[in-house]
C-alpha atoms as a PDB file:
ATOM      1  CA  MET A   1     145.581  80.841  84.035  1.00  0.00           C
ATOM      2  CA  GLY A   2     142.440  79.652  85.583  1.00  0.00           C
ATOM      3  CA  GLU A   3     140.675  82.838  84.472  1.00  0.00           C
ATOM      4  CA  TRP A   4     142.142  82.467  81.035  1.00  0.00           C
ATOM      5  CA  HIS A   5     140.926  78.896  80.784  1.00  0.00           C
ATOM      6  CA  ARG A   6     137.476  79.974  81.929  1.00  0.00           C
ATOM      7  CA  ILE A   7     137.353  82.758  79.351  1.00  0.00           C
ATOM      8  CA  ASP A   8     138.656  80.424  76.666  1.00  0.00           C
ATOM      9  CA  SER A   9     136.067  77.812  77.561  1.00  0.00           C
ATOM     10  CA  THR A  10     133.366  80.454  77.424  1.00  0.00           C
ATOM     11  CA  ILE A  11     134.559  81.647  74.032  1.00  0.00           C
ATOM     12  CA  THR A  12     134.794  78.094  72.758  1.00  0.00           C
ATOM     13  CA  ALA A  13     131.297  77.297  74.011  1.00  0.00           C
ATOM     14  CA  ASN A  14     129.959  80.457  72.401  1.00  0.00           C
ATOM     15  CA  ASN A  15     131.676  79.571  69.139  1.00  0.00           C
ATOM     16  CA  ILE A  16     130.253  76.066  69.285  1.00  0.00           C
ATOM     17  CA  ARG A  17     126.772  77.387  69.976  1.00  0.00           C
ATOM     18  CA  SER A  18     127.169  79.943  67.184  1.00  0.00           C
ATOM     19  CA  ALA A  19     128.394  77.267  64.814  1.00  0.00           C
ATOM     20  CA  LEU A  20     125.563  74.979  65.763  1.00  0.00           C
ATOM     21  CA  ALA A  21     123.055  77.784  65.343  1.00  0.00           C
ATOM     22  CA  THR A  22     124.562  78.684  61.981  1.00  0.00           C
ATOM     23  CA  GLN A  23     124.538  75.040  60.935  1.00  0.00           C
ATOM     24  CA  ALA A  24     120.916  74.708  62.066  1.00  0.00           C
ATOM     25  CA  GLU A  25     120.054  77.868  60.165  1.00  0.00           C
ATOM     26  CA  LEU A  26     121.794  76.504  57.088  1.00  0.00           C
ATOM     27  CA  LEU A  27     119.929  73.205  57.449  1.00  0.00           C
ATOM     28  CA  ARG A  28     116.642  75.042  57.708  1.00  0.00           C
ATOM     29  CA  ALA A  29     117.560  77.110  54.661  1.00  0.00           C
ATOM     30  CA  ASP A  30     118.462  73.908  52.749  1.00  0.00           C
ATOM     31  CA  ASN A  31     115.187  72.326  53.800  1.00  0.00           C
ATOM     32  CA  ASP A  32     113.267  75.395  52.663  1.00  0.00           C
ATOM     33  CA  LEU A  33     115.110  75.351  49.349  1.00  0.00           C
ATOM     34  CA  GLU A  34     114.381  71.620  48.911  1.00  0.00           C
ATOM     35  CA  VAL A  35     110.723  72.156  49.708  1.00  0.00           C
ATOM     36  CA  GLU A  36     110.600  75.076  47.260  1.00  0.00           C
ATOM     37  CA  ARG A  37     112.344  72.956  44.611  1.00  0.00           C
ATOM     38  CA  LEU A  38     109.911  70.097  45.130  1.00  0.00           C
ATOM     39  CA  GLU A  39     106.989  72.520  44.955  1.00  0.00           C
ATOM     40  CA  ARG A  40     108.362  73.964  41.730  1.00  0.00           C
ATOM     41  CA  GLU A  41     108.748  70.475  40.291  1.00  0.00           C
ATOM     42  CA  ARG A  42     105.204  69.586  41.382  1.00  0.00           C
ATOM     43  CA  VAL A  43     103.834  72.754  39.789  1.00  0.00           C
ATOM     44  CA  THR A  44     105.881  72.132  36.673  1.00  0.00           C
ATOM     45  CA  ALA A  45     104.637  68.533  36.470  1.00  0.00           C
ATOM     46  CA  GLN A  46     101.069  69.712  37.000  1.00  0.00           C
ATOM     47  CA  LEU A  47     101.470  72.320  34.265  1.00  0.00           C
ATOM     48  CA  GLU A  48     102.924  69.683  31.936  1.00  0.00           C
ATOM     49  CA  SER A  49     100.022  67.364  32.725  1.00  0.00           C
ATOM     50  CA  GLU A  50      97.500  70.107  32.068  1.00  0.00           C
ATOM     51  CA  LYS A  51      99.326  70.988  28.880  1.00  0.00           C
ATOM     52  CA  ARG A  52      99.227  67.388  27.700  1.00  0.00           C
ATOM     53  CA  THR A  53      95.555  67.170  28.671  1.00  0.00           C
ATOM     54  CA  ARG A  54      94.747  70.328  26.705  1.00  0.00           C
ATOM     55  CA  LEU A  55      96.740  69.048  23.744  1.00  0.00           C
ATOM     56  CA  PHE A  56      94.910  65.702  23.901  1.00  0.00           C
ATOM     57  CA  LEU A  57      91.566  67.469  24.097  1.00  0.00           C
ATOM     58  CA  ILE A  58      92.491  69.677  21.154  1.00  0.00           C
ATOM     59  CA  VAL A  59      93.627  66.677  19.076  1.00  0.00           C
ATOM     60  CA  ALA A  60      90.560  64.670  20.111  1.00  0.00           C
ATOM     61  CA  GLY A  61      88.340  67.618  19.243  1.00  0.00           C
ATOM     62  CA  LEU A  62      89.964  67.920  15.828  1.00  0.00           C
ATOM     63  CA  PHE A  63      89.515  64.195  15.196  1.00  0.00           C
ATOM     64  CA  ALA A  64      85.905  64.381  16.384  1.00  0.00           C
ATOM     65  CA  PHE A  65      85.270  67.395  14.146  1.00  0.00           C
ATOM     66  CA  ALA A  66      86.872  65.624  11.210  1.00  0.00           C
ATOM     67  CA  ALA A  67      84.818  62.475  11.926  1.00  0.00           C
ATOM     68  CA  LEU A  68      81.578  64.450  12.245  1.00  0.00           C
ATOM     69  CA  THR A  69      82.390  66.329   9.067  1.00  0.00           C
ATOM     70  CA  GLY A  70      83.052  63.043   7.265  1.00  0.00           C
ATOM     71  CA  ILE A  71      79.826  61.540   8.605  1.00  0.00           C
ATOM     72  CA  TYR A  72      77.928  64.661   7.571  1.00  0.00           C
ATOM     73  CA  TRP A  73      79.307  64.497   4.045  1.00  0.00           C
ATOM     74  CA  VAL A  74      78.612  60.764   3.806  1.00  0.00           C
ATOM     75  CA  LEU A  75      75.029  61.243   5.014  1.00  0.00           C
ATOM     76  CA  SER A  76      74.611  64.222   2.729  1.00  0.00           C
ATOM     77  CA  ALA A  77      75.907  62.165  -0.197  1.00  0.00           C
ATOM     78  CA  ARG A  78      73.510  59.358   0.689  1.00  0.00           C
ATOM     79  CA  GLN A  79      70.627  61.785   0.965  1.00  0.00           C
ATOM     80  CA  ARG A  80      71.543  63.298  -2.376  1.00  0.00           C
ATOM     81  CA  GLN A  81      71.792  59.804  -3.843  1.00  0.00           C
ATOM     82  CA  LYS A  82      68.416  58.855  -2.361  1.00  0.00           C
ATOM     83  CA  ARG A  83      66.860  62.035  -3.734  1.00  0.00           C
ATOM     84  CA  HIS A  84      68.434  61.317  -7.096  1.00  0.00           C
ATOM     85  CA  LEU A  85      67.135  57.739  -7.052  1.00  0.00           C
ATOM     86  CA  ALA A  86      63.697  58.995  -5.999  1.00  0.00           C
ATOM     87  CA  GLU A  87      63.748  61.482  -8.863  1.00  0.00           C
ATOM     88  CA  LEU A  88      64.819  58.736 -11.266  1.00  0.00           C
ATOM     89  CA  GLN A  89      62.051  56.457  -9.967  1.00  0.00           C
ATOM     90  CA  ALA A  90      59.533  59.277 -10.291  1.00  0.00           C
ATOM     91  CA  GLN A  91      60.734  59.940 -13.831  1.00  0.00           C
ATOM     92  CA  ARG A  92      60.545  56.237 -14.612  1.00  0.00           C
ATOM     93  CA  ALA A  93      57.044  56.012 -13.160  1.00  0.00           C
ATOM     94  CA  GLU A  94      56.046  59.054 -15.182  1.00  0.00           C
ATOM     95  CA  GLN A  95      57.530  57.498 -18.298  1.00  0.00           C
ATOM     96  CA  GLU A  96      55.694  54.243 -17.586  1.00  0.00           C
ATOM     97  CA  ARG A  97      52.445  56.159 -17.115  1.00  0.00           C
ATOM     98  CA  THR A  98      53.091  58.009 -20.346  1.00  0.00           C
ATOM     99  CA  ILE A  99      53.837  54.749 -22.157  1.00  0.00           C
ATOM    100  CA  ALA A 100      50.692  53.194 -20.672  1.00  0.00           C
ATOM    101  CA  GLU A 101      48.647  56.183 -21.785  1.00  0.00           C
ATOM    102  CA  LEU A 102      50.153  55.960 -25.256  1.00  0.00           C
ATOM    103  CA  ARG A 103      49.325  52.258 -25.383  1.00  0.00           C
ATOM    104  CA  VAL A 104      45.773  52.986 -24.274  1.00  0.00           C
ATOM    105  CA  ARG A 105      45.492  55.682 -26.902  1.00  0.00           C
ATOM    106  CA  GLU A 106      46.844  53.290 -29.504  1.00  0.00           C
ATOM    107  CA  GLN A 107      44.367  50.640 -28.410  1.00  0.00           C
ATOM    108  CA  VAL A 108      41.498  53.128 -28.431  1.00  0.00           C
ATOM    109  CA  SER A 109      42.597  54.314 -31.850  1.00  0.00           C
ATOM    110  CA  ARG A 110      42.640  50.714 -33.088  1.00  0.00           C
ATOM    111  CA  ASP A 111      39.223  50.073 -31.578  1.00  0.00           C
ATOM    112  CA  LEU A 112      37.837  53.204 -33.154  1.00  0.00           C
ATOM    113  CA  HIS A 113      39.276  52.149 -36.486  1.00  0.00           C
ATOM    114  CA  ASP A 114      38.153  48.527 -36.230  1.00  0.00           C
ATOM    115  CA  ASP A 115      34.678  49.123 -34.812  1.00  0.00           C
ATOM    116  CA  LEU A 116      33.558  52.632 -35.571  1.00  0.00           C
ATOM    117  CA  GLY A 117      35.565  53.086 -38.775  1.00  0.00           C
ATOM    118  CA  VAL A 118      34.295  49.910 -40.363  1.00  0.00           C
ATOM    119  CA  GLY A 119      30.764  50.601 -39.134  1.00  0.00           C
ATOM    120  CA  LEU A 120      30.724  54.127 -40.481  1.00  0.00           C
ATOM    121  CA  SER A 121      32.073  52.904 -43.821  1.00  0.00           C
ATOM    122  CA  ALA A 122      29.233  50.364 -43.929  1.00  0.00           C
ATOM    123  CA  LEU A 123      26.697  53.088 -43.148  1.00  0.00           C
ATOM    124  CA  LYS A 124      28.127  55.237 -45.950  1.00  0.00           C
ATOM    125  CA  LEU A 125      27.985  52.355 -48.412  1.00  0.00           C
ATOM    126  CA  ARG A 126      24.399  51.479 -47.509  1.00  0.00           C
ATOM    127  CA  SER A 127      23.345  55.095 -47.752  1.00  0.00           C
ATOM    128  CA  GLU A 128      24.830  55.302 -51.239  1.00  0.00           C
ATOM    129  CA  MET A 129      23.046  52.067 -52.186  1.00  0.00           C
ATOM    130  CA  ALA A 130      19.767  53.457 -50.881  1.00  0.00           C
ATOM    131  CA  LEU A 131      20.206  56.518 -53.072  1.00  0.00           C
ATOM    132  CA  GLN A 132      20.852  54.495 -56.204  1.00  0.00           C
ATOM    133  CA  ARG A 133      18.144  54.387 -58.799  1.00  0.00           C
ATOM    134  CA  GLY A 134      15.956  51.354 -58.515  1.00  0.00           C
ATOM    135  CA  LEU A 135      16.271  51.136 -54.739  1.00  0.00           C
ATOM    136  CA  VAL A 136      14.411  54.307 -53.951  1.00  0.00           C
ATOM    137  CA  ASN A 137      11.107  52.473 -53.607  1.00  0.00           C
ATOM    138  CA  ASP A 138      12.491  49.716 -51.433  1.00  0.00           C
ATOM    139  CA  VAL A 139      14.951  51.184 -48.933  1.00  0.00           C
ATOM    140  CA  SER A 140      13.410  49.749 -45.759  1.00  0.00           C
ATOM    141  CA  PRO A 141      15.839  46.800 -45.436  1.00  0.00           C
ATOM    142  CA  LEU A 142      18.819  49.078 -45.925  1.00  0.00           C
ATOM    143  CA  LEU A 143      17.481  51.570 -43.411  1.00  0.00           C
ATOM    144  CA  ARG A 144      16.944  48.797 -40.891  1.00  0.00           C
ATOM    145  CA  GLU A 145      20.513  47.615 -41.460  1.00  0.00           C
ATOM    146  CA  GLN A 146      21.738  51.185 -41.006  1.00  0.00           C
ATOM    147  CA  ALA A 147      19.828  51.516 -37.739  1.00  0.00           C
ATOM    148  CA  SER A 148      21.255  48.201 -36.527  1.00  0.00           C
ATOM    149  CA  THR A 149      24.782  49.250 -37.504  1.00  0.00           C
ATOM    150  CA  ALA A 150      24.347  52.615 -35.788  1.00  0.00           C
ATOM    151  CA  GLU A 151      23.162  50.857 -32.646  1.00  0.00           C
ATOM    152  CA  GLU A 152      26.238  48.605 -32.700  1.00  0.00           C
ATOM    153  CA  LEU A 153      28.487  51.636 -33.155  1.00  0.00           C
ATOM    154  CA  ILE A 154      26.874  53.376 -30.193  1.00  0.00           C
ATOM    155  CA  ALA A 155      27.374  50.249 -28.085  1.00  0.00           C
ATOM    156  CA  SER A 156      31.031  50.039 -29.167  1.00  0.00           C
ATOM    157  CA  MET A 157      31.505  53.671 -28.214  1.00  0.00           C
ATOM    158  CA  ARG A 158      30.012  53.005 -24.779  1.00  0.00           C
ATOM    159  CA  HIS A 159      32.341  50.045 -24.268  1.00  0.00           C
ATOM    160  CA  ILE A 160      35.387  52.133 -25.174  1.00  0.00           C
ATOM    161  CA  ILE A 161      34.323  54.924 -22.821  1.00  0.00           C
ATOM    162  CA  TRP A 162      33.671  52.426 -20.022  1.00  0.00           C
ATOM    163  CA  ALA A 163      37.146  50.934 -20.410  1.00  0.00           C
ATOM    164  CA  LEU A 164      38.681  54.393 -19.931  1.00  0.00           C
ATOM    165  CA  GLN A 165      36.727  55.327 -16.791  1.00  0.00           C
ATOM    166  CA  ASP A 166      38.807  55.179 -13.604  1.00  0.00           C
ATOM    167  CA  ASP A 167      35.793  55.032 -11.283  1.00  0.00           C
ATOM    168  CA  GLN A 168      34.774  51.644 -12.748  1.00  0.00           C
ATOM    169  CA  GLY A 169      38.080  49.908 -12.073  1.00  0.00           C
ATOM    170  CA  SER A 170      37.180  47.300  -9.445  1.00  0.00           C
ATOM    171  CA  LEU A 171      36.755  43.588 -10.082  1.00  0.00           C
ATOM    172  CA  ASP A 172      33.148  43.762  -8.878  1.00  0.00           C
ATOM    173  CA  ASP A 173      32.448  46.492 -11.449  1.00  0.00           C
ATOM    174  CA  LEU A 174      33.997  44.393 -14.213  1.00  0.00           C
ATOM    175  CA  ALA A 175      31.978  41.292 -13.274  1.00  0.00           C
ATOM    176  CA  ALA A 176      28.751  43.303 -13.125  1.00  0.00           C
ATOM    177  CA  TYR A 177      29.429  45.008 -16.453  1.00  0.00           C
ATOM    178  CA  ILE A 178      30.289  41.913 -18.491  1.00  0.00           C
ATOM    179  CA  GLY A 179      27.414  39.997 -16.876  1.00  0.00           C
ATOM    180  CA  SER A 180      24.989  42.732 -17.882  1.00  0.00           C
ATOM    181  CA  TYR A 181      26.468  42.882 -21.375  1.00  0.00           C
ATOM    182  CA  ALA A 182      26.155  39.112 -21.861  1.00  0.00           C
ATOM    183  CA  ARG A 183      22.537  39.164 -20.710  1.00  0.00           C
ATOM    184  CA  ASN A 184      21.522  42.038 -22.998  1.00  0.00           C
ATOM    185  CA  TYR A 185      23.528  40.795 -25.982  1.00  0.00           C
ATOM    186  CA  LEU A 186      22.215  37.217 -25.945  1.00  0.00           C
ATOM    187  CA  GLU A 187      18.668  38.356 -25.202  1.00  0.00           C
ATOM    188  CA  THR A 188      18.738  40.347 -28.458  1.00  0.00           C
ATOM    189  CA  TYR A 189      19.322  37.113 -30.372  1.00  0.00           C
ATOM    190  CA  ASP A 190      16.855  35.080 -28.293  1.00  0.00           C
ATOM    191  CA  ILE A 191      19.564  32.880 -26.746  1.00  0.00           C
ATOM    192  CA  GLN A 192      18.919  31.590 -23.246  1.00  0.00           C
ATOM    193  CA  LEU A 193      21.550  32.581 -20.707  1.00  0.00           C
ATOM    194  CA  GLU A 194      22.425  30.952 -17.410  1.00  0.00           C
ATOM    195  CA  LEU A 195      24.585  33.434 -15.537  1.00  0.00           C
ATOM    196  CA  ARG A 196      26.398  32.414 -12.382  1.00  0.00           C
ATOM    197  CA  ALA A 197      28.734  34.687 -10.457  1.00  0.00           C
ATOM    198  CA  ASP A 198      30.325  34.630  -7.029  1.00  0.00           C
ATOM    199  CA  ALA A 199      28.575  36.731  -4.410  1.00  0.00           C
ATOM    200  CA  SER A 200      31.658  38.872  -3.922  1.00  0.00           C
ATOM    201  CA  PHE A 201      35.122  39.308  -5.381  1.00  0.00           C
ATOM    202  CA  PRO A 202      38.378  40.465  -3.764  1.00  0.00           C
ATOM    203  CA  GLU A 203      38.827  44.200  -3.498  1.00  0.00           C
ATOM    204  CA  MET A 204      41.316  45.129  -6.186  1.00  0.00           C
ATOM    205  CA  ARG A 205      41.711  47.799  -8.823  1.00  0.00           C
ATOM    206  CA  LEU A 206      42.268  46.679 -12.399  1.00  0.00           C
ATOM    207  CA  THR A 207      44.207  48.531 -15.024  1.00  0.00           C
ATOM    208  CA  THR A 208      42.545  49.899 -18.127  1.00  0.00           C
ATOM    209  CA  GLN A 209      44.277  47.229 -20.209  1.00  0.00           C
ATOM    210  CA  GLN A 210      43.076  44.411 -17.947  1.00  0.00           C
ATOM    211  CA  ARG A 211      39.456  45.571 -17.991  1.00  0.00           C
ATOM    212  CA  ARG A 212      39.493  46.241 -21.717  1.00  0.00           C
ATOM    213  CA  ASN A 213      41.092  42.934 -22.704  1.00  0.00           C
ATOM    214  CA  LEU A 214      38.862  40.857 -20.416  1.00  0.00           C
ATOM    215  CA  PHE A 215      35.747  42.525 -21.771  1.00  0.00           C
ATOM    216  CA  LEU A 216      36.844  42.178 -25.419  1.00  0.00           C
ATOM    217  CA  ILE A 217      37.605  38.477 -24.906  1.00  0.00           C
ATOM    218  CA  VAL A 218      34.086  37.968 -23.533  1.00  0.00           C
ATOM    219  CA  LYS A 219      32.638  40.079 -26.344  1.00  0.00           C
ATOM    220  CA  GLU A 220      34.436  38.049 -29.016  1.00  0.00           C
ATOM    221  CA  ALA A 221      33.428  34.741 -27.406  1.00  0.00           C
ATOM    222  CA  LEU A 222      29.751  35.767 -27.303  1.00  0.00           C
ATOM    223  CA  HIS A 223      30.000  37.077 -30.854  1.00  0.00           C
ATOM    224  CA  ASN A 224      31.234  33.645 -31.960  1.00  0.00           C
ATOM    225  CA  VAL A 225      28.317  32.020 -30.138  1.00  0.00           C
ATOM    226  CA  VAL A 226      25.832  34.232 -31.983  1.00  0.00           C
ATOM    227  CA  LYS A 227      27.438  34.287 -35.431  1.00  0.00           C
ATOM    228  CA  HIS A 228      28.948  30.812 -35.748  1.00  0.00           C
ATOM    229  CA  ALA A 229      27.770  28.361 -33.072  1.00  0.00           C
ATOM    230  CA  GLU A 230      24.016  28.432 -33.837  1.00  0.00           C
ATOM    231  CA  ALA A 231      23.496  27.919 -30.119  1.00  0.00           C
ATOM    232  CA  ARG A 232      20.263  28.288 -28.169  1.00  0.00           C
ATOM    233  CA  TYR A 233      21.705  28.097 -24.661  1.00  0.00           C
ATOM    234  CA  VAL A 234      24.793  29.567 -22.986  1.00  0.00           C
ATOM    235  CA  HIS A 235      26.214  28.895 -19.550  1.00  0.00           C
ATOM    236  CA  PHE A 236      28.215  31.903 -18.328  1.00  0.00           C
ATOM    237  CA  ALA A 237      30.152  31.663 -15.021  1.00  0.00           C
ATOM    238  CA  LEU A 238      32.277  34.289 -13.243  1.00  0.00           C
ATOM    239  CA  GLY A 239      34.327  33.282 -10.214  1.00  0.00           C
ATOM    240  CA  TRP A 240      37.443  33.767  -8.129  1.00  0.00           C
ATOM    241  CA  ASP A 241      39.787  30.993  -6.993  1.00  0.00           C
ATOM    242  CA  ILE A 242      43.311  32.398  -6.671  1.00  0.00           C
ATOM    243  CA  ALA A 243      42.604  33.995 -10.068  1.00  0.00           C
ATOM    244  CA  PHE A 244      39.618  35.526 -11.854  1.00  0.00           C
ATOM    245  CA  THR A 245      37.886  32.906 -14.005  1.00  0.00           C
ATOM    246  CA  ILE A 246      35.416  33.331 -16.857  1.00  0.00           C
ATOM    247  CA  GLU A 247      33.744  30.282 -18.384  1.00  0.00           C
ATOM    248  CA  ILE A 248      31.425  30.361 -21.398  1.00  0.00           C
ATOM    249  CA  VAL A 249      29.825  27.111 -22.573  1.00  0.00           C
ATOM    250  CA  ASP A 250      27.290  26.906 -25.431  1.00  0.00           C
ATOM    251  CA  ASP A 251      25.235  24.080 -26.891  1.00  0.00           C
ATOM    252  CA  GLY A 252      26.004  24.968 -30.506  1.00  0.00           C
ATOM    253  CA  LYS A 253      27.559  22.954 -33.288  1.00  0.00           C
ATOM    254  CA  GLY A 254      31.106  23.497 -32.108  1.00  0.00           C
ATOM    255  CA  PHE A 255      34.047  23.506 -34.487  1.00  0.00           C
ATOM    256  CA  VAL A 256      36.694  21.114 -35.685  1.00  0.00           C
ATOM    257  CA  GLU A 257      40.397  21.791 -35.055  1.00  0.00           C
ATOM    258  CA  THR A 258      41.855  21.793 -38.563  1.00  0.00           C
ATOM    259  CA  GLY A 259      44.631  23.582 -40.325  1.00  0.00           C
ATOM    260  CA  ARG A 260      42.216  26.429 -41.010  1.00  0.00           C
ATOM    261  CA  ARG A 261      40.162  27.143 -37.938  1.00  0.00           C
ATOM    262  CA  ILE A 262      36.694  28.546 -37.989  1.00  0.00           C
ATOM    263  CA  HIS A 263      36.723  32.307 -37.261  1.00  0.00           C
ATOM    264  CA  SER A 264      40.461  31.901 -36.514  1.00  0.00           C
ATOM    265  CA  HIS A 265      41.110  35.653 -36.695  1.00  0.00           C
ATOM    266  CA  GLY A 266      38.803  36.228 -33.733  1.00  0.00           C
ATOM    267  CA  LEU A 267      40.391  33.372 -31.790  1.00  0.00           C
ATOM    268  CA  MET A 268      43.874  34.756 -32.418  1.00  0.00           C
ATOM    269  CA  ASN A 269      42.744  38.138 -31.136  1.00  0.00           C
ATOM    270  CA  MET A 270      41.339  36.501 -28.008  1.00  0.00           C
ATOM    271  CA  ARG A 271      44.582  34.621 -27.347  1.00  0.00           C
ATOM    272  CA  LYS A 272      46.646  37.731 -27.951  1.00  0.00           C
ATOM    273  CA  ARG A 273      44.545  39.801 -25.544  1.00  0.00           C
ATOM    274  CA  ALA A 274      44.817  37.064 -22.894  1.00  0.00           C
ATOM    275  CA  GLU A 275      48.590  36.919 -23.343  1.00  0.00           C
ATOM    276  CA  GLU A 276      48.884  40.700 -22.919  1.00  0.00           C
ATOM    277  CA  ILE A 277      47.467  40.523 -19.390  1.00  0.00           C
ATOM    278  CA  GLY A 278      49.150  37.264 -18.404  1.00  0.00           C
ATOM    279  CA  ALA A 279      45.941  35.222 -18.553  1.00  0.00           C
ATOM    280  CA  GLU A 280      45.425  31.630 -19.728  1.00  0.00           C
ATOM    281  CA  LEU A 281      42.786  31.018 -22.399  1.00  0.00           C
ATOM    282  CA  ARG A 282      41.486  27.554 -23.220  1.00  0.00           C
ATOM    283  CA  ILE A 283      39.036  26.919 -26.059  1.00  0.00           C
ATOM    284  CA  SER A 284      37.780  23.402 -26.642  1.00  0.00           C
ATOM    285  CA  SER A 285      35.071  21.748 -28.706  1.00  0.00           C
ATOM    286  CA  GLU A 286      34.001  18.135 -28.908  1.00  0.00           C
ATOM    287  CA  GLY A 287      31.778  18.551 -31.918  1.00  0.00           C
ATOM    288  CA  GLN A 288      28.767  19.561 -29.860  1.00  0.00           C
ATOM    289  CA  GLY A 289      29.139  22.886 -28.116  1.00  0.00           C
ATOM    290  CA  THR A 290      32.176  25.001 -27.314  1.00  0.00           C
ATOM    291  CA  ARG A 291      33.821  25.762 -23.995  1.00  0.00           C
ATOM    292  CA  VAL A 292      35.841  28.931 -23.439  1.00  0.00           C
ATOM    293  CA  LYS A 293      37.658  29.250 -20.117  1.00  0.00           C
ATOM    294  CA  LEU A 294      39.799  32.212 -19.148  1.00  0.00           C
ATOM    295  CA  THR A 295      41.977  32.260 -16.028  1.00  0.00           C
ATOM    296  CA  ALA A 296      43.443  35.663 -15.180  1.00  0.00           C
ATOM    297  CA  PRO A 297      45.755  36.128 -12.147  1.00  0.00           C
ATOM    298  CA  LEU A 298      45.096  39.827 -11.715  1.00  0.00           C
ATOM    299  CA  GLY A 299      47.085  40.411  -8.526  1.00  0.00           C
ATOM    300  CA  LYS A 300      45.831  41.645  -5.121  1.00  0.00           C
ATOM    301  CA  ARG A 301      46.121  45.418  -4.977  1.00  0.00           C
ATOM    302  CA  LYS A 302      43.733  46.887  -2.434  1.00  0.00           C
ATOM    303  CA  LEU A 303      41.490  49.743  -3.372  1.00  0.00           C
ATOM    304  CA  ASP A 304      42.518  53.187  -2.102  1.00  0.00           C
END
């Protein structure tokens, strides 16, 4: 019995140790399975995170592409609009230049008709009178008148050509030209001239219309001095004070403001030419002498 108890105890101990070993082995296997499961979950979570990241990047890339495409089309549309506006502005500028050229041509045509046409008609008439019977022996006065008319026509042609020249478009050139014209014109009729002009004028380029109208206003004013005022002295001043000023004062007989003005057609032309260039023209007479003052704000465009 003692041997049997010893053997039974040994068997029981072996069974216990075997059971414990098996249990330990099972625990280790469970732990390994748990670790493997956790690793699989970690890998799965990491894959899901990467998947979400890739999806986010793809969506963000699509949005960015769409935004860039929209910006590109907007900028392209703006560029096309700017080019279209630039083309429209260029067309408008070209149309304005064409209209200006047409106006200049119309003005030149009117000048040619008014000055040269009338002068040539007068030359034709005087030539026919000189050829009439009874005047053959005394044609000297008519020939002198023809020579004088031809000289005036040549001068008118020079003035028209000068007004069309682009290289004579500065304010200094205009002041020098009208000053020289006034001196030569009044000297022909033995009228004393006192010419005063500023030493220098602002650098600016005048349009053909501005130069032409300013000169024709001066020409008409001096013509009135010679033909109507019976003056012997003229004060002629050119200056700049915010605007270009021309002042012509004579010591003639003046004129009276009545319902029918003296040489009113010429005065209306002067006022119309001043209005066309935005200038102010004042003509006054106190019975003794006449004062003509023109104030022209010509702008301040620098020369190229």
